[in-house]
Amino acid sequence: MLDWEEEFAEKRRRMVEEQIRRRGVTDPDVLAAMERVPRHLFVPEEYLDLAYDDRPLPIGKDQTISQPYIVAYMTQALELARGDRVLEVGLGSGYQAVVLAQLAAEVYSIEVVPELAHRTSRLLAELGYTNIQVRIGDGREGWPEAAPFNAIIATAAPDEVPRVLLDQLAHGGRMVIPVGGYTQELKRIRRSPDGDRYESESLMGVRFVPMTGPQAGR
């Protein structure tokens, strides 16, 4: 009979094969990261039996942990390299940050809800992730003293892409961000190597919690 850790490992393997790879995520580093990271550690105890289902789950404070496929898809869309520095807007449960930390050199994550930031920071420390830094604040302001970033990812949706985040994207960098209100689009924005231009493409329709904070007016 499988013990709990073996059972969760088998569920992760099936999650990667049946929910993620089959739907078009093919980057081997992303797939390996998704199979390594124990998603069950990032969901509330009452949802443990659903931890590897392809669905978002509530984590408190009107926030959610994204479905595994979306986490993998957005991570692949960032086109990360090992030496990259990544800004994440919306720490939430910490699951996306940990997946990013498998692939990039440094992750800087901003969380607007203090209780979530403190709770998740403790979990990340317990798990030994030293390349993830966390701050409490309005994600629309970014992290100016740590900029520029090779990649920026947002796990909450603003009505429009914040100009400050565009400015903090490194030349040649990529941003993946959901944009909109009731109807949202996941966008990938590339900054040109000379920094003078931004190219935006729509990747898919999505549904994320709204980006909140003083700059958002909510």
C-alpha atoms as a PDB file:
ATOM      1  CA  MET A   1       0.000   0.000   0.000  1.00  0.00           C
ATOM      2  CA  LEU A   2       1.346   3.441  -0.928  1.00  0.00           C
ATOM      3  CA  ASP A   3       2.154   5.855   1.894  1.00  0.00           C
ATOM      4  CA  TRP A   4       0.932   9.449   1.683  1.00  0.00           C
ATOM      5  CA  GLU A   5       4.053  10.840   0.018  1.00  0.00           C
ATOM      6  CA  GLU A   6       4.114   8.076  -2.581  1.00  0.00           C
ATOM      7  CA  GLU A   7       0.430   8.599  -3.248  1.00  0.00           C
ATOM      8  CA  PHE A   8       0.896  12.349  -3.712  1.00  0.00           C
ATOM      9  CA  ALA A   9       3.898  11.730  -5.995  1.00  0.00           C
ATOM     10  CA  GLU A  10       1.784   9.423  -8.145  1.00  0.00           C
ATOM     11  CA  LYS A  11      -0.982  12.030  -8.274  1.00  0.00           C
ATOM     12  CA  ARG A  12       1.564  14.630  -9.408  1.00  0.00           C
ATOM     13  CA  ARG A  13       2.802  12.322 -12.131  1.00  0.00           C
ATOM     14  CA  ARG A  14      -0.754  11.807 -13.401  1.00  0.00           C
ATOM     15  CA  MET A  15      -1.447  15.540 -13.120  1.00  0.00           C
ATOM     16  CA  VAL A  16       1.519  16.302 -15.363  1.00  0.00           C
ATOM     17  CA  GLU A  17       0.734  13.610 -17.911  1.00  0.00           C
ATOM     18  CA  GLU A  18      -3.057  13.870 -18.069  1.00  0.00           C
ATOM     19  CA  GLN A  19      -3.799  17.527 -17.285  1.00  0.00           C
ATOM     20  CA  ILE A  20      -0.735  19.423 -18.485  1.00  0.00           C
ATOM     21  CA  ARG A  21       1.316  17.647 -21.138  1.00  0.00           C
ATOM     22  CA  ARG A  22      -1.750  16.494 -23.077  1.00  0.00           C
ATOM     23  CA  ARG A  23      -2.999  20.076 -23.256  1.00  0.00           C
ATOM     24  CA  GLY A  24       0.110  21.385 -24.948  1.00  0.00           C
ATOM     25  CA  VAL A  25       2.645  22.293 -22.269  1.00  0.00           C
ATOM     26  CA  THR A  26       5.811  20.646 -23.572  1.00  0.00           C
ATOM     27  CA  ASP A  27       8.766  22.450 -21.965  1.00  0.00           C
ATOM     28  CA  PRO A  28      10.615  19.626 -20.156  1.00  0.00           C
ATOM     29  CA  ASP A  29      11.891  21.918 -17.394  1.00  0.00           C
ATOM     30  CA  VAL A  30       8.385  23.192 -16.671  1.00  0.00           C
ATOM     31  CA  LEU A  31       6.962  19.662 -16.628  1.00  0.00           C
ATOM     32  CA  ALA A  32       9.729  18.505 -14.282  1.00  0.00           C
ATOM     33  CA  ALA A  33       9.092  21.440 -11.945  1.00  0.00           C
ATOM     34  CA  MET A  34       5.370  20.706 -11.858  1.00  0.00           C
ATOM     35  CA  GLU A  35       6.103  17.090 -10.976  1.00  0.00           C
ATOM     36  CA  ARG A  36       8.565  18.075  -8.230  1.00  0.00           C
ATOM     37  CA  VAL A  37       6.560  20.722  -6.382  1.00  0.00           C
ATOM     38  CA  PRO A  38       4.160  19.240  -3.797  1.00  0.00           C
ATOM     39  CA  ARG A  39       0.966  21.213  -4.476  1.00  0.00           C
ATOM     40  CA  HIS A  40      -0.765  19.588  -1.499  1.00  0.00           C
ATOM     41  CA  LEU A  41       1.452  21.645   0.827  1.00  0.00           C
ATOM     42  CA  PHE A  42      -0.022  24.864  -0.568  1.00  0.00           C
ATOM     43  CA  VAL A  43      -3.736  24.131  -0.210  1.00  0.00           C
ATOM     44  CA  PRO A  44      -5.832  24.248   2.972  1.00  0.00           C
ATOM     45  CA  GLU A  45      -6.083  20.918   4.776  1.00  0.00           C
ATOM     46  CA  GLU A  46      -9.768  20.535   3.959  1.00  0.00           C
ATOM     47  CA  TYR A  47      -8.905  20.446   0.242  1.00  0.00           C
ATOM     48  CA  LEU A  48      -6.074  17.904   0.380  1.00  0.00           C
ATOM     49  CA  ASP A  49      -8.071  15.334  -1.555  1.00  0.00           C
ATOM     50  CA  LEU A  50      -8.476  17.898  -4.375  1.00  0.00           C
ATOM     51  CA  ALA A  51      -4.878  19.131  -4.390  1.00  0.00           C
ATOM     52  CA  TYR A  52      -3.992  17.539  -7.737  1.00  0.00           C
ATOM     53  CA  ASP A  53      -7.290  18.102  -9.515  1.00  0.00           C
ATOM     54  CA  ASP A  54      -7.120  20.565 -12.392  1.00  0.00           C
ATOM     55  CA  ARG A  55      -9.060  23.287 -10.665  1.00  0.00           C
ATOM     56  CA  PRO A  56      -8.435  26.431  -8.622  1.00  0.00           C
ATOM     57  CA  LEU A  57      -9.024  26.124  -4.884  1.00  0.00           C
ATOM     58  CA  PRO A  58      -9.803  28.744  -2.226  1.00  0.00           C
ATOM     59  CA  ILE A  59      -6.956  29.629   0.139  1.00  0.00           C
ATOM     60  CA  GLY A  60      -8.775  32.237   2.244  1.00  0.00           C
ATOM     61  CA  LYS A  61      -9.103  36.031   2.079  1.00  0.00           C
ATOM     62  CA  ASP A  62     -11.076  35.702  -1.186  1.00  0.00           C
ATOM     63  CA  GLN A  63      -7.969  34.383  -2.957  1.00  0.00           C
ATOM     64  CA  THR A  64      -7.315  31.136  -4.808  1.00  0.00           C
ATOM     65  CA  ILE A  65      -4.514  28.827  -5.863  1.00  0.00           C
ATOM     66  CA  SER A  66      -4.604  28.560  -9.662  1.00  0.00           C
ATOM     67  CA  GLN A  67      -5.339  25.297 -11.436  1.00  0.00           C
ATOM     68  CA  PRO A  68      -2.168  23.319 -12.257  1.00  0.00           C
ATOM     69  CA  TYR A  69      -2.567  23.624 -16.023  1.00  0.00           C
ATOM     70  CA  ILE A  70      -2.718  27.421 -15.844  1.00  0.00           C
ATOM     71  CA  VAL A  71       0.359  27.539 -13.573  1.00  0.00           C
ATOM     72  CA  ALA A  72       2.283  25.364 -16.043  1.00  0.00           C
ATOM     73  CA  TYR A  73       1.004  27.258 -19.100  1.00  0.00           C
ATOM     74  CA  MET A  74       1.910  30.678 -17.699  1.00  0.00           C
ATOM     75  CA  THR A  75       5.314  29.442 -16.566  1.00  0.00           C
ATOM     76  CA  GLN A  76       6.081  28.053 -20.009  1.00  0.00           C
ATOM     77  CA  ALA A  77       4.937  31.319 -21.606  1.00  0.00           C
ATOM     78  CA  LEU A  78       7.571  33.220 -19.588  1.00  0.00           C
ATOM     79  CA  GLU A  79      10.360  31.338 -21.429  1.00  0.00           C
ATOM     80  CA  LEU A  80      12.598  31.355 -18.365  1.00  0.00           C
ATOM     81  CA  ALA A  81      16.355  30.852 -18.333  1.00  0.00           C
ATOM     82  CA  ARG A  82      18.323  29.678 -15.290  1.00  0.00           C
ATOM     83  CA  GLY A  83      19.820  33.060 -14.560  1.00  0.00           C
ATOM     84  CA  ASP A  84      16.573  35.030 -14.818  1.00  0.00           C
ATOM     85  CA  ARG A  85      15.207  37.303 -12.148  1.00  0.00           C
ATOM     86  CA  VAL A  86      11.402  37.132 -11.921  1.00  0.00           C
ATOM     87  CA  LEU A  87       8.822  39.455 -10.398  1.00  0.00           C
ATOM     88  CA  GLU A  88       5.563  37.828  -9.328  1.00  0.00           C
ATOM     89  CA  VAL A  89       2.532  39.990  -8.575  1.00  0.00           C
ATOM     90  CA  GLY A  90       0.295  37.998  -6.235  1.00  0.00           C
ATOM     91  CA  LEU A  91       2.126  35.556  -3.955  1.00  0.00           C
ATOM     92  CA  GLY A  92      -1.067  33.929  -2.677  1.00  0.00           C
ATOM     93  CA  SER A  93      -0.390  30.359  -1.567  1.00  0.00           C
ATOM     94  CA  GLY A  94       3.204  30.452  -2.824  1.00  0.00           C
ATOM     95  CA  TYR A  95       2.716  27.565  -5.262  1.00  0.00           C
ATOM     96  CA  GLN A  96       3.419  29.562  -8.420  1.00  0.00           C
ATOM     97  CA  ALA A  97       6.436  31.209  -6.772  1.00  0.00           C
ATOM     98  CA  VAL A  98       7.925  27.832  -5.908  1.00  0.00           C
ATOM     99  CA  VAL A  99       7.422  26.550  -9.450  1.00  0.00           C
ATOM    100  CA  LEU A 100       9.204  29.668 -10.726  1.00  0.00           C
ATOM    101  CA  ALA A 101      12.000  29.158  -8.207  1.00  0.00           C
ATOM    102  CA  GLN A 102      12.739  25.769  -9.761  1.00  0.00           C
ATOM    103  CA  LEU A 103      13.550  27.454 -13.070  1.00  0.00           C
ATOM    104  CA  ALA A 104      14.922  30.941 -12.344  1.00  0.00           C
ATOM    105  CA  ALA A 105      17.713  32.366 -10.214  1.00  0.00           C
ATOM    106  CA  GLU A 106      15.613  34.740  -8.103  1.00  0.00           C
ATOM    107  CA  VAL A 107      11.905  35.310  -7.514  1.00  0.00           C
ATOM    108  CA  TYR A 108      10.548  38.530  -6.011  1.00  0.00           C
ATOM    109  CA  SER A 109       6.907  38.174  -5.009  1.00  0.00           C
ATOM    110  CA  ILE A 110       4.483  40.872  -3.867  1.00  0.00           C
ATOM    111  CA  GLU A 111       1.322  40.148  -1.887  1.00  0.00           C
ATOM    112  CA  VAL A 112      -1.279  42.775  -1.016  1.00  0.00           C
ATOM    113  CA  VAL A 113      -2.958  40.724   1.749  1.00  0.00           C
ATOM    114  CA  PRO A 114      -0.704  40.817   4.843  1.00  0.00           C
ATOM    115  CA  GLU A 115      -2.118  37.639   6.402  1.00  0.00           C
ATOM    116  CA  LEU A 116      -1.375  35.646   3.251  1.00  0.00           C
ATOM    117  CA  ALA A 117       2.097  37.159   2.916  1.00  0.00           C
ATOM    118  CA  HIS A 118       3.021  36.223   6.485  1.00  0.00           C
ATOM    119  CA  ARG A 119       1.536  32.728   6.290  1.00  0.00           C
ATOM    120  CA  THR A 120       3.130  31.902   2.966  1.00  0.00           C
ATOM    121  CA  SER A 121       6.493  33.380   3.955  1.00  0.00           C
ATOM    122  CA  ARG A 122       6.606  31.031   6.940  1.00  0.00           C
ATOM    123  CA  LEU A 123       5.819  28.070   4.688  1.00  0.00           C
ATOM    124  CA  LEU A 124       8.516  29.027   2.181  1.00  0.00           C
ATOM    125  CA  ALA A 125      11.047  29.330   4.995  1.00  0.00           C
ATOM    126  CA  GLU A 126      10.059  25.914   6.350  1.00  0.00           C
ATOM    127  CA  LEU A 127      10.498  24.426   2.874  1.00  0.00           C
ATOM    128  CA  GLY A 128      13.951  26.003   2.527  1.00  0.00           C
ATOM    129  CA  TYR A 129      13.388  28.295  -0.450  1.00  0.00           C
ATOM    130  CA  THR A 130      16.103  30.918  -0.165  1.00  0.00           C
ATOM    131  CA  ASN A 131      15.749  32.348  -3.678  1.00  0.00           C
ATOM    132  CA  ILE A 132      12.225  33.711  -3.101  1.00  0.00           C
ATOM    133  CA  GLN A 133      11.837  37.146  -1.531  1.00  0.00           C
ATOM    134  CA  VAL A 134       8.447  38.384  -0.353  1.00  0.00           C
ATOM    135  CA  ARG A 135       7.081  41.816   0.393  1.00  0.00           C
ATOM    136  CA  ILE A 136       3.673  43.176   1.313  1.00  0.00           C
ATOM    137  CA  GLY A 137       2.434  45.857  -1.045  1.00  0.00           C
ATOM    138  CA  ASP A 138       0.491  46.939  -4.087  1.00  0.00           C
ATOM    139  CA  GLY A 139       1.629  44.843  -7.023  1.00  0.00           C
ATOM    140  CA  ARG A 140       0.907  47.702  -9.432  1.00  0.00           C
ATOM    141  CA  GLU A 141       3.942  49.484  -8.001  1.00  0.00           C
ATOM    142  CA  GLY A 142       6.252  46.555  -8.694  1.00  0.00           C
ATOM    143  CA  TRP A 143       9.561  46.263  -6.851  1.00  0.00           C
ATOM    144  CA  PRO A 144      11.576  49.250  -8.135  1.00  0.00           C
ATOM    145  CA  GLU A 145      14.780  48.704  -6.157  1.00  0.00           C
ATOM    146  CA  ALA A 146      15.099  45.139  -7.502  1.00  0.00           C
ATOM    147  CA  ALA A 147      14.216  46.022 -11.127  1.00  0.00           C
ATOM    148  CA  PRO A 148      14.728  45.338 -13.954  1.00  0.00           C
ATOM    149  CA  PHE A 149      13.291  41.828 -14.217  1.00  0.00           C
ATOM    150  CA  ASN A 150      13.813  39.355 -17.029  1.00  0.00           C
ATOM    151  CA  ALA A 151      10.260  38.138 -16.514  1.00  0.00           C
ATOM    152  CA  ILE A 152       7.134  39.410 -14.758  1.00  0.00           C
ATOM    153  CA  ILE A 153       4.080  37.284 -13.991  1.00  0.00           C
ATOM    154  CA  ALA A 154       0.803  38.386 -12.447  1.00  0.00           C
ATOM    155  CA  THR A 155      -1.657  36.014 -10.811  1.00  0.00           C
ATOM    156  CA  ALA A 156      -4.358  38.662 -10.412  1.00  0.00           C
ATOM    157  CA  ALA A 157      -5.996  40.724 -13.139  1.00  0.00           C
ATOM    158  CA  PRO A 158      -5.775  44.513 -13.487  1.00  0.00           C
ATOM    159  CA  ASP A 159      -8.159  46.353 -15.773  1.00  0.00           C
ATOM    160  CA  GLU A 160      -5.149  47.357 -17.882  1.00  0.00           C
ATOM    161  CA  VAL A 161      -1.424  46.609 -17.773  1.00  0.00           C
ATOM    162  CA  PRO A 162       0.227  48.905 -15.197  1.00  0.00           C
ATOM    163  CA  ARG A 163       2.777  51.215 -16.794  1.00  0.00           C
ATOM    164  CA  VAL A 164       5.130  50.783 -13.835  1.00  0.00           C
ATOM    165  CA  LEU A 165       5.393  47.051 -14.497  1.00  0.00           C
ATOM    166  CA  LEU A 166       6.206  47.682 -18.150  1.00  0.00           C
ATOM    167  CA  ASP A 167       8.977  50.048 -17.077  1.00  0.00           C
ATOM    168  CA  GLN A 168      10.418  47.428 -14.702  1.00  0.00           C
ATOM    169  CA  LEU A 169      10.658  44.807 -17.442  1.00  0.00           C
ATOM    170  CA  ALA A 170      14.219  44.321 -18.654  1.00  0.00           C
ATOM    171  CA  HIS A 171      15.104  44.898 -22.291  1.00  0.00           C
ATOM    172  CA  GLY A 172      14.216  41.649 -24.038  1.00  0.00           C
ATOM    173  CA  GLY A 173      12.038  40.616 -21.096  1.00  0.00           C
ATOM    174  CA  ARG A 174       8.635  38.913 -21.056  1.00  0.00           C
ATOM    175  CA  MET A 175       5.510  39.615 -19.028  1.00  0.00           C
ATOM    176  CA  VAL A 176       2.547  37.243 -18.672  1.00  0.00           C
ATOM    177  CA  ILE A 177      -0.510  38.881 -17.148  1.00  0.00           C
ATOM    178  CA  PRO A 178      -4.298  38.469 -17.135  1.00  0.00           C
ATOM    179  CA  VAL A 179      -6.049  41.708 -18.093  1.00  0.00           C
ATOM    180  CA  GLY A 180      -9.692  42.728 -17.844  1.00  0.00           C
ATOM    181  CA  GLY A 181     -12.726  42.799 -15.598  1.00  0.00           C
ATOM    182  CA  TYR A 182     -15.496  40.245 -15.975  1.00  0.00           C
ATOM    183  CA  THR A 183     -13.964  39.189 -19.301  1.00  0.00           C
ATOM    184  CA  GLN A 184     -10.208  38.655 -19.127  1.00  0.00           C
ATOM    185  CA  GLU A 185      -7.436  37.789 -21.554  1.00  0.00           C
ATOM    186  CA  LEU A 186      -4.071  36.306 -20.678  1.00  0.00           C
ATOM    187  CA  LYS A 187      -1.496  38.444 -22.432  1.00  0.00           C
ATOM    188  CA  ARG A 188       2.207  37.998 -23.117  1.00  0.00           C
ATOM    189  CA  ILE A 189       4.116  41.228 -23.559  1.00  0.00           C
ATOM    190  CA  ARG A 190       7.666  41.321 -24.897  1.00  0.00           C
ATOM    191  CA  ARG A 191       9.977  44.287 -24.528  1.00  0.00           C
ATOM    192  CA  SER A 192      12.315  44.778 -27.448  1.00  0.00           C
ATOM    193  CA  PRO A 193      16.071  44.271 -26.912  1.00  0.00           C
ATOM    194  CA  ASP A 194      16.639  48.029 -27.216  1.00  0.00           C
ATOM    195  CA  GLY A 195      13.815  48.707 -24.741  1.00  0.00           C
ATOM    196  CA  ASP A 196      11.936  51.053 -27.064  1.00  0.00           C
ATOM    197  CA  ARG A 197       8.977  48.837 -28.017  1.00  0.00           C
ATOM    198  CA  TYR A 198       6.481  46.456 -26.469  1.00  0.00           C
ATOM    199  CA  GLU A 199       4.704  43.723 -28.395  1.00  0.00           C
ATOM    200  CA  SER A 200       1.544  42.213 -26.922  1.00  0.00           C
ATOM    201  CA  GLU A 201      -0.218  38.989 -27.862  1.00  0.00           C
ATOM    202  CA  SER A 202      -3.357  37.396 -26.442  1.00  0.00           C
ATOM    203  CA  LEU A 203      -2.819  33.802 -25.321  1.00  0.00           C
ATOM    204  CA  MET A 204      -6.232  32.688 -24.035  1.00  0.00           C
ATOM    205  CA  GLY A 205      -9.321  33.702 -22.125  1.00  0.00           C
ATOM    206  CA  VAL A 206      -8.903  33.312 -18.347  1.00  0.00           C
ATOM    207  CA  ARG A 207     -10.597  34.058 -15.050  1.00  0.00           C
ATOM    208  CA  PHE A 208      -8.442  35.418 -12.221  1.00  0.00           C
ATOM    209  CA  VAL A 209      -9.217  37.317  -9.045  1.00  0.00           C
ATOM    210  CA  PRO A 210      -8.949  41.089  -9.595  1.00  0.00           C
ATOM    211  CA  MET A 211      -5.737  42.880  -8.768  1.00  0.00           C
ATOM    212  CA  THR A 212      -6.433  44.886  -5.641  1.00  0.00           C
ATOM    213  CA  GLY A 213      -4.640  47.589  -3.681  1.00  0.00           C
ATOM    214  CA  PRO A 214      -4.581  51.387  -3.409  1.00  0.00           C
ATOM    215  CA  GLN A 215      -3.578  51.879  -7.049  1.00  0.00           C
ATOM    216  CA  ALA A 216      -6.444  49.650  -8.122  1.00  0.00           C
ATOM    217  CA  GLY A 217      -8.994  51.646  -6.196  1.00  0.00           C
ATOM    218  CA  ARG A 218     -10.216  48.551  -4.330  1.00  0.00           C
END
